[in-house]
Amino acid sequence: MSPIDLVITVCAVLSPSNCEEQHLIFADGGASLQQCAMKAPPYIAQWVGEHPKWTAVRWRCEYPHSNDKA
């Protein structure tokens, strides 16, 4: 099974309109996109704990490069 990207939209705590996407590799062998989304909160909490100037506002799971155009 292909790895899954956990895409987190994060915004700066001191400037909530300053947002960006962070891509993490969701490494739970054989997980589906739905399982990734359900199991994501601990990964997100760890990332936010390591980056206290940012707060997570939403997330999604996708296969890498799924938005690339052929």
Protein backbone atom coordinates (compact mmCIF):
# COMPACT_ATOMS: atom_id res chain seq x y z
CA MET A 1 0.00 0.00 0.00
CA SER A 2 1.21 3.50 -0.80
CA PRO A 3 2.16 5.92 1.95
CA ILE A 4 -0.43 8.53 2.84
CA ASP A 5 0.13 12.26 3.26
CA LEU A 6 -1.43 13.82 6.33
CA VAL A 7 -1.99 17.41 5.20
CA ILE A 8 -2.48 19.81 8.10
CA THR A 9 -3.60 23.40 7.61
CA VAL A 10 -1.91 25.45 10.33
CA CYS A 11 -2.26 29.13 11.20
CA ALA A 12 0.08 31.35 13.19
CA VAL A 13 -1.14 31.83 16.76
CA LEU A 14 -0.31 35.57 16.69
CA SER A 15 -1.61 36.10 13.15
CA PRO A 16 -4.53 33.73 12.47
CA SER A 17 -4.86 34.91 8.87
CA ASN A 18 -1.32 33.62 8.16
CA CYS A 19 -1.97 29.97 7.28
CA GLU A 20 -0.09 27.28 5.39
CA GLU A 21 -0.20 23.55 4.76
CA GLN A 22 2.20 21.10 6.33
CA HIS A 23 2.61 17.61 4.87
CA LEU A 24 3.40 14.70 7.18
CA ILE A 25 3.80 11.07 6.19
CA PHE A 26 1.16 8.93 7.85
CA ALA A 27 3.05 5.70 8.46
CA ASP A 28 0.43 3.20 9.55
CA GLY A 29 0.96 0.33 7.12
CA GLY A 30 -2.12 -0.56 5.13
CA ALA A 31 -4.28 2.28 6.44
CA SER A 32 -6.98 3.78 4.26
CA LEU A 33 -7.58 7.50 3.84
CA GLN A 34 -10.51 7.27 6.27
CA GLN A 35 -8.38 5.47 8.87
CA CYS A 36 -5.69 8.12 8.45
CA ALA A 37 -8.21 10.91 9.10
CA MET A 38 -9.54 9.14 12.21
CA LYS A 39 -6.08 8.38 13.63
CA ALA A 40 -4.57 11.79 12.79
CA PRO A 41 -5.18 13.75 16.06
CA PRO A 42 -2.15 12.35 17.98
CA TYR A 43 0.15 13.12 15.02
CA ILE A 44 -1.29 16.63 14.80
CA ALA A 45 -0.93 17.16 18.56
CA GLN A 46 2.72 16.12 18.36
CA TRP A 47 3.40 18.51 15.47
CA VAL A 48 1.68 21.42 17.25
CA GLY A 49 3.60 20.59 20.44
CA GLU A 50 6.85 20.86 18.48
CA HIS A 51 5.72 24.10 16.75
CA PRO A 52 4.02 26.20 19.47
CA LYS A 53 3.71 29.30 17.28
CA TRP A 54 1.20 27.44 15.06
CA THR A 55 -2.25 25.99 15.61
CA ALA A 56 -3.94 23.32 13.48
CA VAL A 57 -7.27 24.35 11.99
CA ARG A 58 -8.07 21.38 9.71
CA TRP A 59 -6.55 18.28 8.19
CA ARG A 60 -7.07 15.77 5.45
CA CYS A 61 -5.40 12.63 4.18
CA GLU A 62 -4.45 12.00 0.59
CA TYR A 63 -2.20 9.84 -1.48
CA PRO A 64 1.03 11.68 -2.41
CA HIS A 65 0.76 13.72 -5.61
CA SER A 66 -2.98 12.99 -5.93
CA ASN A 67 -3.53 16.64 -6.93
CA ASP A 68 -0.83 16.66 -9.63
CA LYS A 69 -2.06 17.03 -13.19
CA ALA A 70 -0.91 14.53 -15.77
